[in-house]
Amino acid sequence: MKKVLFIICILIISIGCKKSKYEIETNNVLKELKLDNNKPWQVNEATHIGVTKMDSLIKGFKNSKSNDFTILGEFLSKQTSYIIKNCDMKGEPHDQLHVVLVPMLDEISLLRDNIENKSKKDALLRLEIYIKKYFEYFKK
């Protein structure tokens, strides 16, 4: 009986602690990201609007069952251009935003590139994690 309980405990721990390879990759990239005294950083309105639209674009893309990652990348690129053009943030909030924004730009570049869809799907999964982290660490 003790062996059975031990095996069940090991299974629960291993299943509960398992992170996807995408979460592990993004956590490594975002290791410098931190909260502002345990609270989200304040961002300007343009940044928040841009990232919110990016999130909506991705959700719409996934709901449509489209495979045209290049077009999605183009639309997302327009949002990042909007964010960059309208950025007036300074100091630590600005620096922290770059910790998450730069990897987003890298993933969007992969979506726009002429590479196989498997790599683009992987880029989209990582981008979704970065956007989720944005909403955890930043607010308007």
N, C-alpha and C. Protein backbone atom coordinates (compact mmCIF):
# COMPACT_ATOMS: atom_id res chain seq x y z
N MET A 1 0.81 -1.19 0.00
CA MET A 1 0.00 0.00 0.00
C MET A 1 0.87 1.27 0.00
N LYS A 2 1.96 1.24 0.77
CA LYS A 2 2.85 2.39 0.81
C LYS A 2 3.50 2.63 -0.54
N LYS A 3 3.82 1.55 -1.26
CA LYS A 3 4.41 1.70 -2.59
C LYS A 3 3.43 2.37 -3.54
N VAL A 4 2.18 1.97 -3.47
CA VAL A 4 1.15 2.55 -4.35
C VAL A 4 1.00 4.04 -4.06
N LEU A 5 0.93 4.41 -2.78
CA LEU A 5 0.82 5.82 -2.42
C LEU A 5 2.06 6.60 -2.86
N PHE A 6 3.22 6.01 -2.71
CA PHE A 6 4.45 6.65 -3.14
C PHE A 6 4.44 6.89 -4.64
N ILE A 7 4.03 5.91 -5.41
CA ILE A 7 3.98 6.04 -6.87
C ILE A 7 2.97 7.11 -7.27
N ILE A 8 1.82 7.12 -6.62
CA ILE A 8 0.79 8.12 -6.93
C ILE A 8 1.33 9.53 -6.63
N CYS A 9 2.02 9.68 -5.51
CA CYS A 9 2.59 10.99 -5.16
C CYS A 9 3.62 11.44 -6.19
N ILE A 10 4.47 10.53 -6.62
CA ILE A 10 5.48 10.86 -7.62
C ILE A 10 4.80 11.28 -8.93
N LEU A 11 3.78 10.56 -9.34
CA LEU A 11 3.06 10.91 -10.57
C LEU A 11 2.41 12.28 -10.47
N ILE A 12 1.78 12.55 -9.36
CA ILE A 12 1.12 13.86 -9.18
C ILE A 12 2.15 14.98 -9.23
N ILE A 13 3.27 14.79 -8.55
CA ILE A 13 4.31 15.82 -8.54
C ILE A 13 4.89 16.02 -9.94
N SER A 14 5.16 14.94 -10.64
CA SER A 14 5.77 15.08 -11.97
C SER A 14 4.80 15.69 -12.97
N ILE A 15 3.53 15.37 -12.87
CA ILE A 15 2.55 15.95 -13.79
C ILE A 15 2.30 17.41 -13.44
N GLY A 16 2.16 17.70 -12.16
CA GLY A 16 1.86 19.06 -11.72
C GLY A 16 2.99 20.04 -11.96
N CYS A 17 4.22 19.57 -11.97
CA CYS A 17 5.37 20.46 -12.12
C CYS A 17 5.86 20.57 -13.56
N LYS A 18 5.26 19.84 -14.45
CA LYS A 18 5.76 19.82 -15.82
C LYS A 18 5.42 21.12 -16.54
N LYS A 19 6.42 21.78 -17.05
CA LYS A 19 6.23 22.99 -17.85
C LYS A 19 6.53 22.66 -19.29
N SER A 20 5.84 23.35 -20.17
CA SER A 20 6.11 23.14 -21.59
C SER A 20 7.49 23.69 -21.93
N LYS A 21 8.03 23.20 -23.03
CA LYS A 21 9.34 23.71 -23.45
C LYS A 21 9.26 25.20 -23.77
N TYR A 22 8.07 25.67 -24.17
CA TYR A 22 7.90 27.09 -24.49
C TYR A 22 7.95 27.93 -23.22
N GLU A 23 7.35 27.44 -22.14
CA GLU A 23 7.39 28.17 -20.87
C GLU A 23 8.82 28.23 -20.35
N ILE A 24 9.55 27.14 -20.48
CA ILE A 24 10.95 27.12 -20.04
C ILE A 24 11.78 28.10 -20.86
N GLU A 25 11.59 28.09 -22.19
CA GLU A 25 12.34 29.01 -23.06
C GLU A 25 12.02 30.46 -22.72
N THR A 26 10.75 30.78 -22.58
CA THR A 26 10.37 32.16 -22.32
C THR A 26 10.78 32.61 -20.93
N ASN A 27 10.73 31.70 -19.94
CA ASN A 27 11.18 32.06 -18.60
C ASN A 27 12.67 32.41 -18.60
N ASN A 28 13.45 31.70 -19.40
CA ASN A 28 14.87 32.02 -19.50
C ASN A 28 15.10 33.40 -20.10
N VAL A 29 14.31 33.74 -21.11
CA VAL A 29 14.44 35.04 -21.77
C VAL A 29 13.98 36.16 -20.83
N LEU A 30 12.96 35.88 -20.04
CA LEU A 30 12.35 36.91 -19.19
C LEU A 30 12.90 36.93 -17.77
N LYS A 31 14.04 36.33 -17.53
CA LYS A 31 14.55 36.22 -16.17
C LYS A 31 14.83 37.58 -15.53
N GLU A 32 15.03 38.62 -16.32
CA GLU A 32 15.27 39.97 -15.79
C GLU A 32 13.98 40.72 -15.48
N LEU A 33 12.83 40.19 -15.89
CA LEU A 33 11.55 40.86 -15.69
C LEU A 33 11.15 40.79 -14.23
N LYS A 34 10.76 41.92 -13.67
CA LYS A 34 10.35 41.96 -12.27
C LYS A 34 9.20 42.95 -12.10
N LEU A 35 8.49 42.82 -11.01
CA LEU A 35 7.39 43.72 -10.69
C LEU A 35 7.91 44.99 -10.02
N ASP A 36 7.05 45.98 -9.94
CA ASP A 36 7.36 47.25 -9.28
C ASP A 36 6.87 47.15 -7.84
N ASN A 37 7.74 46.71 -6.93
CA ASN A 37 7.34 46.52 -5.53
C ASN A 37 6.09 45.64 -5.42
N ASN A 38 6.15 44.50 -6.08
CA ASN A 38 5.06 43.51 -6.10
C ASN A 38 3.80 43.99 -6.80
N LYS A 39 3.89 45.04 -7.58
CA LYS A 39 2.75 45.54 -8.36
C LYS A 39 3.16 45.65 -9.82
N PRO A 40 2.20 45.58 -10.74
CA PRO A 40 2.53 45.76 -12.16
C PRO A 40 3.05 47.18 -12.44
N TRP A 41 3.91 47.28 -13.44
CA TRP A 41 4.43 48.56 -13.87
C TRP A 41 3.35 49.32 -14.61
N GLN A 42 3.39 50.63 -14.50
CA GLN A 42 2.47 51.50 -15.23
C GLN A 42 3.03 51.72 -16.64
N VAL A 43 2.19 51.53 -17.66
CA VAL A 43 2.60 51.79 -19.05
C VAL A 43 1.73 52.89 -19.63
N ASN A 44 2.21 53.48 -20.72
CA ASN A 44 1.40 54.50 -21.37
C ASN A 44 0.25 53.85 -22.14
N GLU A 45 -0.70 54.66 -22.50
CA GLU A 45 -1.91 54.14 -23.15
C GLU A 45 -1.61 53.47 -24.48
N ALA A 46 -0.72 54.04 -25.27
CA ALA A 46 -0.40 53.47 -26.59
C ALA A 46 0.16 52.06 -26.46
N THR A 47 1.01 51.85 -25.48
CA THR A 47 1.58 50.51 -25.28
C THR A 47 0.49 49.53 -24.92
N HIS A 48 -0.37 49.92 -24.00
CA HIS A 48 -1.44 49.02 -23.56
C HIS A 48 -2.41 48.72 -24.70
N ILE A 49 -2.76 49.74 -25.46
CA ILE A 49 -3.66 49.54 -26.61
C ILE A 49 -3.00 48.61 -27.62
N GLY A 50 -1.74 48.83 -27.92
CA GLY A 50 -1.03 48.02 -28.91
C GLY A 50 -0.95 46.55 -28.51
N VAL A 51 -0.58 46.29 -27.26
CA VAL A 51 -0.46 44.89 -26.82
C VAL A 51 -1.85 44.24 -26.73
N THR A 52 -2.85 44.99 -26.31
CA THR A 52 -4.21 44.46 -26.25
C THR A 52 -4.69 44.08 -27.66
N LYS A 53 -4.39 44.92 -28.64
CA LYS A 53 -4.76 44.60 -30.03
C LYS A 53 -4.00 43.38 -30.53
N MET A 54 -2.73 43.26 -30.14
CA MET A 54 -1.95 42.08 -30.54
C MET A 54 -2.60 40.81 -29.98
N ASP A 55 -3.01 40.88 -28.73
CA ASP A 55 -3.67 39.74 -28.10
C ASP A 55 -4.96 39.39 -28.84
N SER A 56 -5.73 40.40 -29.20
CA SER A 56 -6.98 40.18 -29.94
C SER A 56 -6.71 39.60 -31.34
N LEU A 57 -5.69 40.10 -32.00
CA LEU A 57 -5.33 39.58 -33.33
C LEU A 57 -4.98 38.10 -33.26
N ILE A 58 -4.23 37.72 -32.25
CA ILE A 58 -3.83 36.31 -32.11
C ILE A 58 -5.05 35.44 -31.82
N LYS A 59 -5.91 35.90 -30.93
CA LYS A 59 -7.12 35.12 -30.61
C LYS A 59 -8.00 34.97 -31.85
N GLY A 60 -8.16 36.05 -32.61
CA GLY A 60 -8.94 35.98 -33.85
C GLY A 60 -8.32 35.04 -34.86
N PHE A 61 -7.01 35.08 -34.98
CA PHE A 61 -6.29 34.19 -35.89
C PHE A 61 -6.52 32.73 -35.52
N LYS A 62 -6.40 32.43 -34.23
CA LYS A 62 -6.57 31.05 -33.78
C LYS A 62 -8.02 30.59 -33.97
N ASN A 63 -8.97 31.47 -33.71
CA ASN A 63 -10.38 31.11 -33.89
C ASN A 63 -10.73 30.88 -35.35
N SER A 64 -10.03 31.56 -36.25
CA SER A 64 -10.32 31.43 -37.68
C SER A 64 -9.72 30.16 -38.29
N LYS A 65 -8.84 29.51 -37.53
CA LYS A 65 -8.16 28.29 -38.00
C LYS A 65 -7.27 28.56 -39.21
N SER A 66 -6.87 29.81 -39.37
CA SER A 66 -6.00 30.19 -40.48
C SER A 66 -4.59 29.64 -40.28
N ASN A 67 -3.90 29.43 -41.38
CA ASN A 67 -2.49 29.02 -41.33
C ASN A 67 -1.58 30.06 -41.95
N ASP A 68 -2.11 31.24 -42.24
CA ASP A 68 -1.31 32.29 -42.87
C ASP A 68 -0.62 33.12 -41.79
N PHE A 69 0.44 32.55 -41.25
CA PHE A 69 1.18 33.19 -40.18
C PHE A 69 1.85 34.48 -40.65
N THR A 70 2.17 34.55 -41.94
CA THR A 70 2.85 35.73 -42.47
C THR A 70 1.95 36.96 -42.37
N ILE A 71 0.68 36.80 -42.71
CA ILE A 71 -0.26 37.93 -42.61
C ILE A 71 -0.45 38.33 -41.15
N LEU A 72 -0.58 37.33 -40.28
CA LEU A 72 -0.68 37.64 -38.85
C LEU A 72 0.55 38.42 -38.41
N GLY A 73 1.72 37.99 -38.83
CA GLY A 73 2.96 38.69 -38.49
C GLY A 73 2.95 40.14 -38.96
N GLU A 74 2.41 40.37 -40.15
CA GLU A 74 2.32 41.75 -40.67
C GLU A 74 1.42 42.61 -39.79
N PHE A 75 0.25 42.06 -39.42
CA PHE A 75 -0.67 42.82 -38.56
C PHE A 75 -0.06 43.08 -37.18
N LEU A 76 0.61 42.09 -36.63
CA LEU A 76 1.26 42.27 -35.33
C LEU A 76 2.39 43.28 -35.42
N SER A 77 3.11 43.27 -36.52
CA SER A 77 4.20 44.21 -36.72
C SER A 77 3.69 45.65 -36.74
N LYS A 78 2.51 45.86 -37.31
CA LYS A 78 1.92 47.21 -37.31
C LYS A 78 1.63 47.67 -35.89
N GLN A 79 1.21 46.75 -35.04
CA GLN A 79 0.93 47.11 -33.65
C GLN A 79 2.22 47.44 -32.91
N THR A 80 3.27 46.67 -33.14
CA THR A 80 4.53 46.99 -32.46
C THR A 80 5.10 48.32 -32.96
N SER A 81 4.91 48.60 -34.24
CA SER A 81 5.35 49.90 -34.77
C SER A 81 4.59 51.03 -34.08
N TYR A 82 3.29 50.83 -33.88
CA TYR A 82 2.46 51.81 -33.17
C TYR A 82 2.98 52.02 -31.75
N ILE A 83 3.29 50.92 -31.07
CA ILE A 83 3.80 51.01 -29.70
C ILE A 83 5.11 51.79 -29.67
N ILE A 84 6.03 51.45 -30.55
CA ILE A 84 7.35 52.09 -30.58
C ILE A 84 7.23 53.57 -30.94
N LYS A 85 6.42 53.87 -31.94
CA LYS A 85 6.24 55.26 -32.40
C LYS A 85 5.66 56.14 -31.30
N ASN A 86 4.78 55.58 -30.48
CA ASN A 86 4.08 56.37 -29.46
C ASN A 86 4.64 56.19 -28.05
N CYS A 87 5.79 55.59 -27.95
CA CYS A 87 6.38 55.36 -26.63
C CYS A 87 6.94 56.65 -26.05
N ASP A 88 6.47 56.98 -24.86
CA ASP A 88 7.02 58.13 -24.14
C ASP A 88 7.42 57.71 -22.72
N MET A 89 7.58 56.44 -22.52
CA MET A 89 7.95 55.92 -21.21
C MET A 89 9.43 56.16 -20.95
N LYS A 90 9.77 56.28 -19.68
CA LYS A 90 11.15 56.52 -19.27
C LYS A 90 11.47 55.68 -18.03
N GLY A 91 12.75 55.56 -17.74
CA GLY A 91 13.19 54.95 -16.51
C GLY A 91 12.96 53.44 -16.44
N GLU A 92 12.81 52.95 -15.22
CA GLU A 92 12.69 51.52 -14.97
C GLU A 92 11.45 50.90 -15.64
N PRO A 93 10.28 51.56 -15.66
CA PRO A 93 9.15 50.96 -16.37
C PRO A 93 9.47 50.72 -17.85
N HIS A 94 10.15 51.68 -18.47
CA HIS A 94 10.54 51.55 -19.87
C HIS A 94 11.52 50.40 -20.06
N ASP A 95 12.49 50.30 -19.17
CA ASP A 95 13.48 49.22 -19.24
C ASP A 95 12.82 47.85 -19.07
N GLN A 96 11.90 47.76 -18.13
CA GLN A 96 11.19 46.50 -17.90
C GLN A 96 10.31 46.14 -19.10
N LEU A 97 9.71 47.13 -19.71
CA LEU A 97 8.90 46.87 -20.91
C LEU A 97 9.76 46.26 -22.01
N HIS A 98 10.97 46.73 -22.15
CA HIS A 98 11.86 46.20 -23.19
C HIS A 98 12.21 44.73 -22.95
N VAL A 99 12.24 44.32 -21.68
CA VAL A 99 12.53 42.92 -21.37
C VAL A 99 11.52 41.99 -22.03
N VAL A 100 10.27 42.42 -22.09
CA VAL A 100 9.22 41.58 -22.70
C VAL A 100 8.96 41.96 -24.16
N LEU A 101 9.15 43.21 -24.51
CA LEU A 101 8.84 43.66 -25.87
C LEU A 101 9.85 43.16 -26.91
N VAL A 102 11.11 43.17 -26.58
CA VAL A 102 12.14 42.73 -27.54
C VAL A 102 11.92 41.27 -27.97
N PRO A 103 11.67 40.34 -27.04
CA PRO A 103 11.39 38.97 -27.48
C PRO A 103 10.10 38.86 -28.32
N MET A 104 9.13 39.72 -28.02
CA MET A 104 7.91 39.74 -28.85
C MET A 104 8.27 40.09 -30.29
N LEU A 105 9.12 41.11 -30.44
CA LEU A 105 9.54 41.53 -31.78
C LEU A 105 10.26 40.40 -32.51
N ASP A 106 11.08 39.65 -31.79
CA ASP A 106 11.79 38.52 -32.40
C ASP A 106 10.81 37.46 -32.91
N GLU A 107 9.79 37.15 -32.11
CA GLU A 107 8.81 36.13 -32.52
C GLU A 107 7.97 36.62 -33.70
N ILE A 108 7.63 37.89 -33.69
CA ILE A 108 6.86 38.45 -34.81
C ILE A 108 7.69 38.40 -36.09
N SER A 109 8.98 38.65 -35.99
CA SER A 109 9.86 38.53 -37.16
C SER A 109 9.84 37.12 -37.72
N LEU A 110 9.83 36.13 -36.83
CA LEU A 110 9.76 34.73 -37.30
C LEU A 110 8.44 34.45 -38.01
N LEU A 111 7.36 35.02 -37.51
CA LEU A 111 6.06 34.83 -38.16
C LEU A 111 6.06 35.41 -39.57
N ARG A 112 6.77 36.50 -39.76
CA ARG A 112 6.81 37.17 -41.05
C ARG A 112 7.81 36.53 -42.01
N ASP A 113 8.78 35.79 -41.48
CA ASP A 113 9.83 35.20 -42.30
C ASP A 113 9.31 34.06 -43.17
N ASN A 114 10.11 33.75 -44.17
CA ASN A 114 9.80 32.66 -45.09
C ASN A 114 10.39 31.36 -44.54
N ILE A 115 9.77 30.84 -43.48
CA ILE A 115 10.21 29.58 -42.86
C ILE A 115 9.02 28.64 -42.78
N GLU A 116 9.27 27.39 -42.42
CA GLU A 116 8.18 26.41 -42.38
C GLU A 116 7.20 26.74 -41.26
N ASN A 117 5.96 26.27 -41.43
CA ASN A 117 4.89 26.59 -40.49
C ASN A 117 5.15 26.06 -39.08
N LYS A 118 5.87 24.97 -38.93
CA LYS A 118 6.15 24.44 -37.59
C LYS A 118 6.91 25.47 -36.77
N SER A 119 7.90 26.10 -37.36
CA SER A 119 8.66 27.14 -36.66
C SER A 119 7.77 28.35 -36.35
N LYS A 120 6.87 28.66 -37.25
CA LYS A 120 5.96 29.78 -37.04
C LYS A 120 4.96 29.46 -35.93
N LYS A 121 4.50 28.22 -35.87
CA LYS A 121 3.60 27.81 -34.78
C LYS A 121 4.32 27.93 -33.44
N ASP A 122 5.57 27.51 -33.40
CA ASP A 122 6.37 27.62 -32.18
C ASP A 122 6.54 29.09 -31.78
N ALA A 123 6.80 29.94 -32.77
CA ALA A 123 6.95 31.38 -32.50
C ALA A 123 5.66 31.96 -31.94
N LEU A 124 4.53 31.54 -32.49
CA LEU A 124 3.24 32.03 -32.01
C LEU A 124 2.99 31.59 -30.56
N LEU A 125 3.33 30.37 -30.24
CA LEU A 125 3.15 29.89 -28.86
C LEU A 125 4.01 30.69 -27.88
N ARG A 126 5.24 30.97 -28.26
CA ARG A 126 6.10 31.77 -27.39
C ARG A 126 5.57 33.20 -27.28
N LEU A 127 5.10 33.76 -28.39
CA LEU A 127 4.56 35.12 -28.38
C LEU A 127 3.35 35.21 -27.45
N GLU A 128 2.50 34.20 -27.47
CA GLU A 128 1.35 34.20 -26.57
C GLU A 128 1.80 34.23 -25.10
N ILE A 129 2.86 33.52 -24.78
CA ILE A 129 3.37 33.53 -23.41
C ILE A 129 3.92 34.91 -23.06
N TYR A 130 4.64 35.54 -23.99
CA TYR A 130 5.16 36.89 -23.73
C TYR A 130 4.03 37.88 -23.50
N ILE A 131 2.97 37.77 -24.29
CA ILE A 131 1.84 38.68 -24.12
C ILE A 131 1.16 38.43 -22.77
N LYS A 132 1.01 37.18 -22.41
CA LYS A 132 0.44 36.86 -21.09
C LYS A 132 1.30 37.47 -19.99
N LYS A 133 2.61 37.37 -20.12
CA LYS A 133 3.51 37.96 -19.12
C LYS A 133 3.38 39.48 -19.09
N TYR A 134 3.19 40.09 -20.26
CA TYR A 134 2.98 41.54 -20.30
C TYR A 134 1.81 41.91 -19.39
N PHE A 135 0.69 41.20 -19.54
CA PHE A 135 -0.49 41.54 -18.75
C PHE A 135 -0.31 41.23 -17.26
N GLU A 136 0.61 40.35 -16.91
CA GLU A 136 0.91 40.08 -15.51
C GLU A 136 1.80 41.18 -14.91
N TYR A 137 2.69 41.76 -15.72
CA TYR A 137 3.69 42.67 -15.20
C TYR A 137 3.44 44.14 -15.51
N PHE A 138 2.43 44.44 -16.33
CA PHE A 138 2.18 45.82 -16.73
C PHE A 138 0.69 46.13 -16.72
N LYS A 139 0.37 47.39 -16.45
CA LYS A 139 -1.02 47.85 -16.47
C LYS A 139 -1.08 49.27 -16.98
N LYS A 140 -2.25 49.67 -17.42
CA LYS A 140 -2.45 51.03 -17.91
C LYS A 140 -2.81 51.93 -16.76
